[in-house]
């Protein structure tokens, strides 16, 4: 959960930093948000790759644990 929260917060921080920089250059309105979203996505791809991998590993582990609990519950129901 910590990796997911960290990744999400850093993505938001990058987006707002891009908005600030682009606003300083005079961009306004809809195009400011569109270009800031694209720029922050391009910047975060290489910059946050390790954190994204850690988040993915964490989410996969949680999903595997949930799946094994569901399988155990289903097999317990079947044996009754």
PDB file of N, CA and C in Angstrom:
ATOM      1  N   UNK A   1       0.814  -1.189   0.000  1.00  0.00           N
ATOM      2  CA  UNK A   1       0.000   0.000   0.000  1.00  0.00           C
ATOM      3  C   UNK A   1       0.864   1.261   0.000  1.00  0.00           C
ATOM      4  N   UNK A   2       1.990   1.172   0.697  1.00  0.00           N
ATOM      5  CA  UNK A   2       2.873   2.329   0.787  1.00  0.00           C
ATOM      6  C   UNK A   2       3.464   2.692  -0.576  1.00  0.00           C
ATOM      7  N   UNK A   3       3.834   1.692  -1.358  1.00  0.00           N
ATOM      8  CA  UNK A   3       4.400   1.950  -2.677  1.00  0.00           C
ATOM      9  C   UNK A   3       3.365   2.577  -3.600  1.00  0.00           C
ATOM     10  N   UNK A   4       2.128   2.121  -3.511  1.00  0.00           N
ATOM     11  CA  UNK A   4       1.064   2.670  -4.336  1.00  0.00           C
ATOM     12  C   UNK A   4       0.795   4.125  -3.976  1.00  0.00           C
ATOM     13  N   UNK A   5       0.750   4.414  -2.695  1.00  0.00           N
ATOM     14  CA  UNK A   5       0.516   5.776  -2.238  1.00  0.00           C
ATOM     15  C   UNK A   5       1.669   6.693  -2.644  1.00  0.00           C
ATOM     16  N   UNK A   6       2.886   6.226  -2.486  1.00  0.00           N
ATOM     17  CA  UNK A   6       4.050   7.026  -2.870  1.00  0.00           C
ATOM     18  C   UNK A   6       4.051   7.322  -4.359  1.00  0.00           C
ATOM     19  N   UNK A   7       3.786   6.308  -5.161  1.00  0.00           N
ATOM     20  CA  UNK A   7       3.766   6.475  -6.610  1.00  0.00           C
ATOM     21  C   UNK A   7       2.680   7.471  -7.016  1.00  0.00           C
ATOM     22  N   UNK A   8       1.494   7.323  -6.446  1.00  0.00           N
ATOM     23  CA  UNK A   8       0.383   8.214  -6.794  1.00  0.00           C
ATOM     24  C   UNK A   8       0.676   9.659  -6.408  1.00  0.00           C
ATOM     25  N   UNK A   9       1.235   9.851  -5.224  1.00  0.00           N
ATOM     26  CA  UNK A   9       1.560  11.204  -4.781  1.00  0.00           C
ATOM     27  C   UNK A   9       2.647  11.840  -5.645  1.00  0.00           C
ATOM     28  N   UNK A  10       3.637  11.066  -6.028  1.00  0.00           N
ATOM     29  CA  UNK A  10       4.688  11.610  -6.886  1.00  0.00           C
ATOM     30  C   UNK A  10       4.161  11.932  -8.284  1.00  0.00           C
ATOM     31  N   UNK A  11       3.242  11.108  -8.792  1.00  0.00           N
ATOM     32  CA  UNK A  11       2.623  11.421 -10.091  1.00  0.00           C
ATOM     33  C   UNK A  11       1.842  12.727 -10.023  1.00  0.00           C
ATOM     34  N   UNK A  12       1.082  12.918  -8.942  1.00  0.00           N
ATOM     35  CA  UNK A  12       0.343  14.173  -8.766  1.00  0.00           C
ATOM     36  C   UNK A  12       1.289  15.367  -8.630  1.00  0.00           C
ATOM     37  N   UNK A  13       2.358  15.178  -7.898  1.00  0.00           N
ATOM     38  CA  UNK A  13       3.347  16.242  -7.736  1.00  0.00           C
ATOM     39  C   UNK A  13       3.961  16.621  -9.082  1.00  0.00           C
ATOM     40  N   UNK A  14       4.301  15.625  -9.884  1.00  0.00           N
ATOM     41  CA  UNK A  14       4.842  15.907 -11.219  1.00  0.00           C
ATOM     42  C   UNK A  14       3.828  16.647 -12.087  1.00  0.00           C
ATOM     43  N   UNK A  15       2.559  16.248 -12.002  1.00  0.00           N
ATOM     44  CA  UNK A  15       1.528  16.918 -12.786  1.00  0.00           C
ATOM     45  C   UNK A  15       1.403  18.386 -12.378  1.00  0.00           C
ATOM     46  N   UNK A  16       1.322  18.644 -11.073  1.00  0.00           N
ATOM     47  CA  UNK A  16       1.175  20.029 -10.626  1.00  0.00           C
ATOM     48  C   UNK A  16       2.426  20.856 -10.907  1.00  0.00           C
ATOM     49  N   UNK A  17       3.588  20.243 -10.865  1.00  0.00           N
ATOM     50  CA  UNK A  17       4.820  20.955 -11.234  1.00  0.00           C
ATOM     51  C   UNK A  17       4.788  21.317 -12.712  1.00  0.00           C
ATOM     52  N   UNK A  18       4.312  20.394 -13.551  1.00  0.00           N
ATOM     53  CA  UNK A  18       4.200  20.686 -14.982  1.00  0.00           C
ATOM     54  C   UNK A  18       3.184  21.798 -15.226  1.00  0.00           C
ATOM     55  N   UNK A  19       2.069  21.770 -14.495  1.00  0.00           N
ATOM     56  CA  UNK A  19       1.072  22.841 -14.623  1.00  0.00           C
ATOM     57  C   UNK A  19       1.698  24.178 -14.260  1.00  0.00           C
ATOM     58  N   UNK A  20       2.441  24.222 -13.173  1.00  0.00           N
ATOM     59  CA  UNK A  20       3.073  25.463 -12.733  1.00  0.00           C
ATOM     60  C   UNK A  20       4.061  25.989 -13.774  1.00  0.00           C
ATOM     61  N   UNK A  21       4.918  25.115 -14.271  1.00  0.00           N
ATOM     62  CA  UNK A  21       5.921  25.540 -15.255  1.00  0.00           C
ATOM     63  C   UNK A  21       5.250  26.025 -16.536  1.00  0.00           C
ATOM     64  N   UNK A  22       4.259  25.280 -17.009  1.00  0.00           N
ATOM     65  CA  UNK A  22       3.577  25.682 -18.243  1.00  0.00           C
ATOM     66  C   UNK A  22       2.768  26.955 -18.051  1.00  0.00           C
ATOM     67  N   UNK A  23       2.206  27.171 -16.878  1.00  0.00           N
ATOM     68  CA  UNK A  23       1.472  28.406 -16.598  1.00  0.00           C
ATOM     69  C   UNK A  23       2.422  29.594 -16.576  1.00  0.00           C
ATOM     70  N   UNK A  24       3.631  29.373 -16.096  1.00  0.00           N
ATOM     71  CA  UNK A  24       4.626  30.452 -16.112  1.00  0.00           C
ATOM     72  C   UNK A  24       5.003  30.840 -17.533  1.00  0.00           C
ATOM     73  N   UNK A  25       4.895  29.895 -18.466  1.00  0.00           N
ATOM     74  CA  UNK A  25       5.169  30.186 -19.863  1.00  0.00           C
ATOM     75  C   UNK A  25       3.954  30.751 -20.592  1.00  0.00           C
ATOM     76  N   UNK A  26       2.857  30.946 -19.872  1.00  0.00           N
ATOM     77  CA  UNK A  26       1.701  31.616 -20.453  1.00  0.00           C
ATOM     78  C   UNK A  26       0.599  30.713 -20.958  1.00  0.00           C
ATOM     79  N   UNK A  27       0.706  29.426 -20.769  1.00  0.00           N
ATOM     80  CA  UNK A  27      -0.346  28.512 -21.206  1.00  0.00           C
ATOM     81  C   UNK A  27      -1.510  28.589 -20.228  1.00  0.00           C
ATOM     82  N   UNK A  28      -2.730  28.550 -20.743  1.00  0.00           N
ATOM     83  CA  UNK A  28      -3.914  28.659 -19.896  1.00  0.00           C
ATOM     84  C   UNK A  28      -4.999  27.695 -20.368  1.00  0.00           C
ATOM     85  N   UNK A  29      -5.928  27.396 -19.476  1.00  0.00           N
ATOM     86  CA  UNK A  29      -7.136  26.664 -19.822  1.00  0.00           C
ATOM     87  C   UNK A  29      -6.933  25.182 -20.099  1.00  0.00           C
ATOM     88  N   UNK A  30      -7.737  24.704 -21.032  1.00  0.00           N
ATOM     89  CA  UNK A  30      -7.771  23.288 -21.388  1.00  0.00           C
ATOM     90  C   UNK A  30      -6.421  22.784 -21.858  1.00  0.00           C
ATOM     91  N   UNK A  31      -5.754  23.551 -22.705  1.00  0.00           N
ATOM     92  CA  UNK A  31      -4.471  23.101 -23.253  1.00  0.00           C
ATOM     93  C   UNK A  31      -3.394  23.007 -22.184  1.00  0.00           C
ATOM     94  N   UNK A  32      -3.497  23.851 -21.177  1.00  0.00           N
ATOM     95  CA  UNK A  32      -2.557  23.761 -20.063  1.00  0.00           C
ATOM     96  C   UNK A  32      -2.663  22.394 -19.396  1.00  0.00           C
ATOM     97  N   UNK A  33      -3.885  21.936 -19.136  1.00  0.00           N
ATOM     98  CA  UNK A  33      -4.081  20.643 -18.477  1.00  0.00           C
ATOM     99  C   UNK A  33      -3.682  19.471 -19.372  1.00  0.00           C
ATOM    100  N   UNK A  34      -4.009  19.562 -20.645  1.00  0.00           N
ATOM    101  CA  UNK A  34      -3.684  18.476 -21.579  1.00  0.00           C
ATOM    102  C   UNK A  34      -2.172  18.323 -21.730  1.00  0.00           C
ATOM    103  N   UNK A  35      -1.506  19.421 -21.952  1.00  0.00           N
ATOM    104  CA  UNK A  35      -0.049  19.372 -22.159  1.00  0.00           C
ATOM    105  C   UNK A  35       0.661  18.994 -20.852  1.00  0.00           C
ATOM    106  N   UNK A  36       0.156  19.488 -19.725  1.00  0.00           N
ATOM    107  CA  UNK A  36       0.754  19.126 -18.434  1.00  0.00           C
ATOM    108  C   UNK A  36       0.586  17.632 -18.154  1.00  0.00           C
ATOM    109  N   UNK A  37      -0.572  17.071 -18.489  1.00  0.00           N
ATOM    110  CA  UNK A  37      -0.788  15.634 -18.289  1.00  0.00           C
ATOM    111  C   UNK A  37       0.162  14.821 -19.170  1.00  0.00           C
ATOM    112  N   UNK A  38       0.311  15.231 -20.421  1.00  0.00           N
ATOM    113  CA  UNK A  38       1.209  14.515 -21.327  1.00  0.00           C
ATOM    114  C   UNK A  38       2.661  14.647 -20.874  1.00  0.00           C
ATOM    115  N   UNK A  39       3.056  15.839 -20.496  1.00  0.00           N
ATOM    116  CA  UNK A  39       4.439  16.063 -20.065  1.00  0.00           C
ATOM    117  C   UNK A  39       4.754  15.295 -18.788  1.00  0.00           C
ATOM    118  N   UNK A  40       3.834  15.319 -17.835  1.00  0.00           N
ATOM    119  CA  UNK A  40       4.100  14.610 -16.577  1.00  0.00           C
ATOM    120  C   UNK A  40       4.133  13.101 -16.794  1.00  0.00           C
ATOM    121  N   UNK A  41       3.330  12.596 -17.732  1.00  0.00           N
ATOM    122  CA  UNK A  41       3.374  11.163 -18.037  1.00  0.00           C
ATOM    123  C   UNK A  41       4.709  10.786 -18.664  1.00  0.00           C
ATOM    124  N   UNK A  42       5.181  11.612 -19.601  1.00  0.00           N
ATOM    125  CA  UNK A  42       6.465  11.335 -20.245  1.00  0.00           C
ATOM    126  C   UNK A  42       7.629  11.427 -19.258  1.00  0.00           C
ATOM    127  N   UNK A  43       7.555  12.372 -18.344  1.00  0.00           N
ATOM    128  CA  UNK A  43       8.625  12.534 -17.356  1.00  0.00           C
ATOM    129  C   UNK A  43       8.596  11.403 -16.337  1.00  0.00           C
ATOM    130  N   UNK A  44       7.389  11.003 -15.915  1.00  0.00           N
ATOM    131  CA  UNK A  44       7.290   9.983 -14.869  1.00  0.00           C
ATOM    132  C   UNK A  44       7.666   8.595 -15.366  1.00  0.00           C
ATOM    133  N   UNK A  45       7.536   8.355 -16.664  1.00  0.00           N
ATOM    134  CA  UNK A  45       7.845   7.024 -17.179  1.00  0.00           C
ATOM    135  C   UNK A  45       9.264   6.584 -16.823  1.00  0.00           C
ATOM    136  N   UNK A  46      10.301   7.344 -17.151  1.00  0.00           N
ATOM    137  CA  UNK A  46      11.648   6.900 -16.743  1.00  0.00           C
ATOM    138  C   UNK A  46      11.978   7.250 -15.293  1.00  0.00           C
ATOM    139  N   UNK A  47      11.424   8.359 -14.795  1.00  0.00           N
ATOM    140  CA  UNK A  47      11.792   8.839 -13.474  1.00  0.00           C
ATOM    141  C   UNK A  47      11.245   7.959 -12.349  1.00  0.00           C
ATOM    142  N   UNK A  48      10.049   7.433 -12.525  1.00  0.00           N
ATOM    143  CA  UNK A  48       9.405   6.653 -11.473  1.00  0.00           C
ATOM    144  C   UNK A  48       9.334   5.165 -11.794  1.00  0.00           C
ATOM    145  N   UNK A  49      10.190   4.673 -12.673  1.00  0.00           N
ATOM    146  CA  UNK A  49      10.097   3.271 -13.096  1.00  0.00           C
ATOM    147  C   UNK A  49      10.356   2.297 -11.948  1.00  0.00           C
ATOM    148  N   UNK A  50      11.331   2.578 -11.095  1.00  0.00           N
ATOM    149  CA  UNK A  50      11.613   1.674  -9.975  1.00  0.00           C
ATOM    150  C   UNK A  50      10.438   1.633  -8.997  1.00  0.00           C
ATOM    151  N   UNK A  51       9.893   2.788  -8.724  1.00  0.00           N
ATOM    152  CA  UNK A  51       8.752   2.843  -7.804  1.00  0.00           C
ATOM    153  C   UNK A  51       7.526   2.155  -8.410  1.00  0.00           C
ATOM    154  N   UNK A  52       7.336   2.301  -9.714  1.00  0.00           N
ATOM    155  CA  UNK A  52       6.229   1.632 -10.403  1.00  0.00           C
ATOM    156  C   UNK A  52       6.408   0.118 -10.354  1.00  0.00           C
ATOM    157  N   UNK A  53       7.634  -0.363 -10.510  1.00  0.00           N
ATOM    158  CA  UNK A  53       7.898  -1.798 -10.415  1.00  0.00           C
ATOM    159  C   UNK A  53       7.631  -2.318  -9.002  1.00  0.00           C
ATOM    160  N   UNK A  54       8.027  -1.543  -7.999  1.00  0.00           N
ATOM    161  CA  UNK A  54       7.777  -1.931  -6.613  1.00  0.00           C
ATOM    162  C   UNK A  54       6.279  -1.973  -6.325  1.00  0.00           C
ATOM    163  N   UNK A  55       5.552  -0.977  -6.854  1.00  0.00           N
ATOM    164  CA  UNK A  55       4.111  -0.939  -6.667  1.00  0.00           C
ATOM    165  C   UNK A  55       3.455  -2.142  -7.336  1.00  0.00           C
ATOM    166  N   UNK A  56       3.899  -2.472  -8.527  1.00  0.00           N
ATOM    167  CA  UNK A  56       3.353  -3.614  -9.255  1.00  0.00           C
ATOM    168  C   UNK A  56       3.602  -4.915  -8.504  1.00  0.00           C
ATOM    169  N   UNK A  57       4.788  -5.081  -7.974  1.00  0.00           N
ATOM    170  CA  UNK A  57       5.119  -6.278  -7.200  1.00  0.00           C
ATOM    171  C   UNK A  57       4.244  -6.376  -5.952  1.00  0.00           C
ATOM    172  N   UNK A  58       4.048  -5.256  -5.302  1.00  0.00           N
ATOM    173  CA  UNK A  58       3.217  -5.220  -4.100  1.00  0.00           C
ATOM    174  C   UNK A  58       1.767  -5.573  -4.433  1.00  0.00           C
ATOM    175  N   UNK A  59       1.239  -4.989  -5.493  1.00  0.00           N
ATOM    176  CA  UNK A  59      -0.150  -5.282  -5.880  1.00  0.00           C
ATOM    177  C   UNK A  59      -0.326  -6.727  -6.318  1.00  0.00           C
ATOM    178  N   UNK A  60       0.652  -7.262  -7.023  1.00  0.00           N
ATOM    179  CA  UNK A  60       0.579  -8.656  -7.463  1.00  0.00           C
ATOM    180  C   UNK A  60       0.600  -9.591  -6.261  1.00  0.00           C
ATOM    181  N   UNK A  61       1.434  -9.299  -5.279  1.00  0.00           N
ATOM    182  CA  UNK A  61       1.489 -10.108  -4.068  1.00  0.00           C
ATOM    183  C   UNK A  61       0.173 -10.088  -3.314  1.00  0.00           C
ATOM    184  N   UNK A  62      -0.432  -8.908  -3.228  1.00  0.00           N
ATOM    185  CA  UNK A  62      -1.726  -8.818  -2.543  1.00  0.00           C
ATOM    186  C   UNK A  62      -2.811  -9.567  -3.298  1.00  0.00           C
ATOM    187  N   UNK A  63      -2.793  -9.469  -4.618  1.00  0.00           N
ATOM    188  CA  UNK A  63      -3.799 -10.172  -5.418  1.00  0.00           C
ATOM    189  C   UNK A  63      -3.620 -11.685  -5.316  1.00  0.00           C
ATOM    190  N   UNK A  64      -2.372 -12.146  -5.304  1.00  0.00           N
ATOM    191  CA  UNK A  64      -2.114 -13.587  -5.141  1.00  0.00           C
ATOM    192  C   UNK A  64      -2.610 -14.077  -3.783  1.00  0.00           C
ATOM    193  N   UNK A  65      -2.384 -13.273  -2.742  1.00  0.00           N
ATOM    194  CA  UNK A  65      -2.862 -13.637  -1.415  1.00  0.00           C
ATOM    195  C   UNK A  65      -4.380 -13.694  -1.358  1.00  0.00           C
ATOM    196  N   UNK A  66      -5.035 -12.735  -1.987  1.00  0.00           N
ATOM    197  CA  UNK A  66      -6.490 -12.722  -2.032  1.00  0.00           C
ATOM    198  C   UNK A  66      -7.024 -13.912  -2.813  1.00  0.00           C
ATOM    199  N   UNK A  67      -6.367 -14.240  -3.920  1.00  0.00           N
ATOM    200  CA  UNK A  67      -6.801 -15.381  -4.734  1.00  0.00           C
ATOM    201  C   UNK A  67      -6.660 -16.687  -3.957  1.00  0.00           C
ATOM    202  N   UNK A  68      -5.567 -16.841  -3.214  1.00  0.00           N
ATOM    203  CA  UNK A  68      -5.381 -18.072  -2.446  1.00  0.00           C
ATOM    204  C   UNK A  68      -6.418 -18.181  -1.330  1.00  0.00           C
ATOM    205  N   UNK A  69      -6.797 -17.058  -0.716  1.00  0.00           N
ATOM    206  CA  UNK A  69      -7.847 -17.074   0.303  1.00  0.00           C
ATOM    207  C   UNK A  69      -9.191 -17.461  -0.316  1.00  0.00           C
ATOM    208  N   UNK A  70      -9.477 -16.910  -1.488  1.00  0.00           N
ATOM    209  CA  UNK A  70     -10.732 -17.260  -2.167  1.00  0.00           C
ATOM    210  C   UNK A  70     -10.759 -18.731  -2.563  1.00  0.00           C
ATOM    211  N   UNK A  71      -9.629 -19.237  -3.061  1.00  0.00           N
ATOM    212  CA  UNK A  71      -9.548 -20.655  -3.434  1.00  0.00           C
ATOM    213  C   UNK A  71      -9.719 -21.557  -2.201  1.00  0.00           C
ATOM    214  N   UNK A  72      -9.107 -21.155  -1.091  1.00  0.00           N
ATOM    215  CA  UNK A  72      -9.239 -21.936   0.135  1.00  0.00           C
ATOM    216  C   UNK A  72     -10.687 -21.937   0.629  1.00  0.00           C
ATOM    217  N   UNK A  73     -11.338 -20.806   0.530  1.00  0.00           N
ATOM    218  CA  UNK A  73     -12.731 -20.725   0.932  1.00  0.00           C
ATOM    219  C   UNK A  73     -13.639 -21.545   0.044  1.00  0.00           C
ATOM    220  N   UNK A  74     -13.362 -21.530  -1.262  1.00  0.00           N
ATOM    221  CA  UNK A  74     -14.168 -22.306  -2.204  1.00  0.00           C
ATOM    222  C   UNK A  74     -13.966 -23.795  -1.986  1.00  0.00           C
ATOM    223  N   UNK A  75     -12.734 -24.210  -1.730  1.00  0.00           N
ATOM    224  CA  UNK A  75     -12.484 -25.632  -1.503  1.00  0.00           C
ATOM    225  C   UNK A  75     -13.088 -26.092  -0.170  1.00  0.00           C
ATOM    226  N   UNK A  76     -13.123 -25.200   0.829  1.00  0.00           N
ATOM    227  CA  UNK A  76     -13.754 -25.545   2.108  1.00  0.00           C
ATOM    228  C   UNK A  76     -15.254 -25.699   1.929  1.00  0.00           C
ATOM    229  N   UNK A  77     -15.848 -24.870   1.081  1.00  0.00           N
ATOM    230  CA  UNK A  77     -17.283 -24.996   0.794  1.00  0.00           C
ATOM    231  C   UNK A  77     -17.579 -26.280   0.049  1.00  0.00           C
ATOM    232  N   UNK A  78     -16.681 -26.629  -0.879  1.00  0.00           N
ATOM    233  CA  UNK A  78     -16.901 -27.843  -1.674  1.00  0.00           C
ATOM    234  C   UNK A  78     -16.827 -29.105  -0.819  1.00  0.00           C
ATOM    235  N   UNK A  79     -15.979 -29.090   0.206  1.00  0.00           N
ATOM    236  CA  UNK A  79     -15.817 -30.286   1.037  1.00  0.00           C
ATOM    237  C   UNK A  79     -16.983 -30.459   2.004  1.00  0.00           C
ATOM    238  N   UNK A  80     -17.770 -29.410   2.241  1.00  0.00           N
ATOM    239  CA  UNK A  80     -18.927 -29.527   3.155  1.00  0.00           C
ATOM    240  C   UNK A  80     -20.076 -30.209   2.540  1.00  0.00           C
TER     241      UNK A  80
END
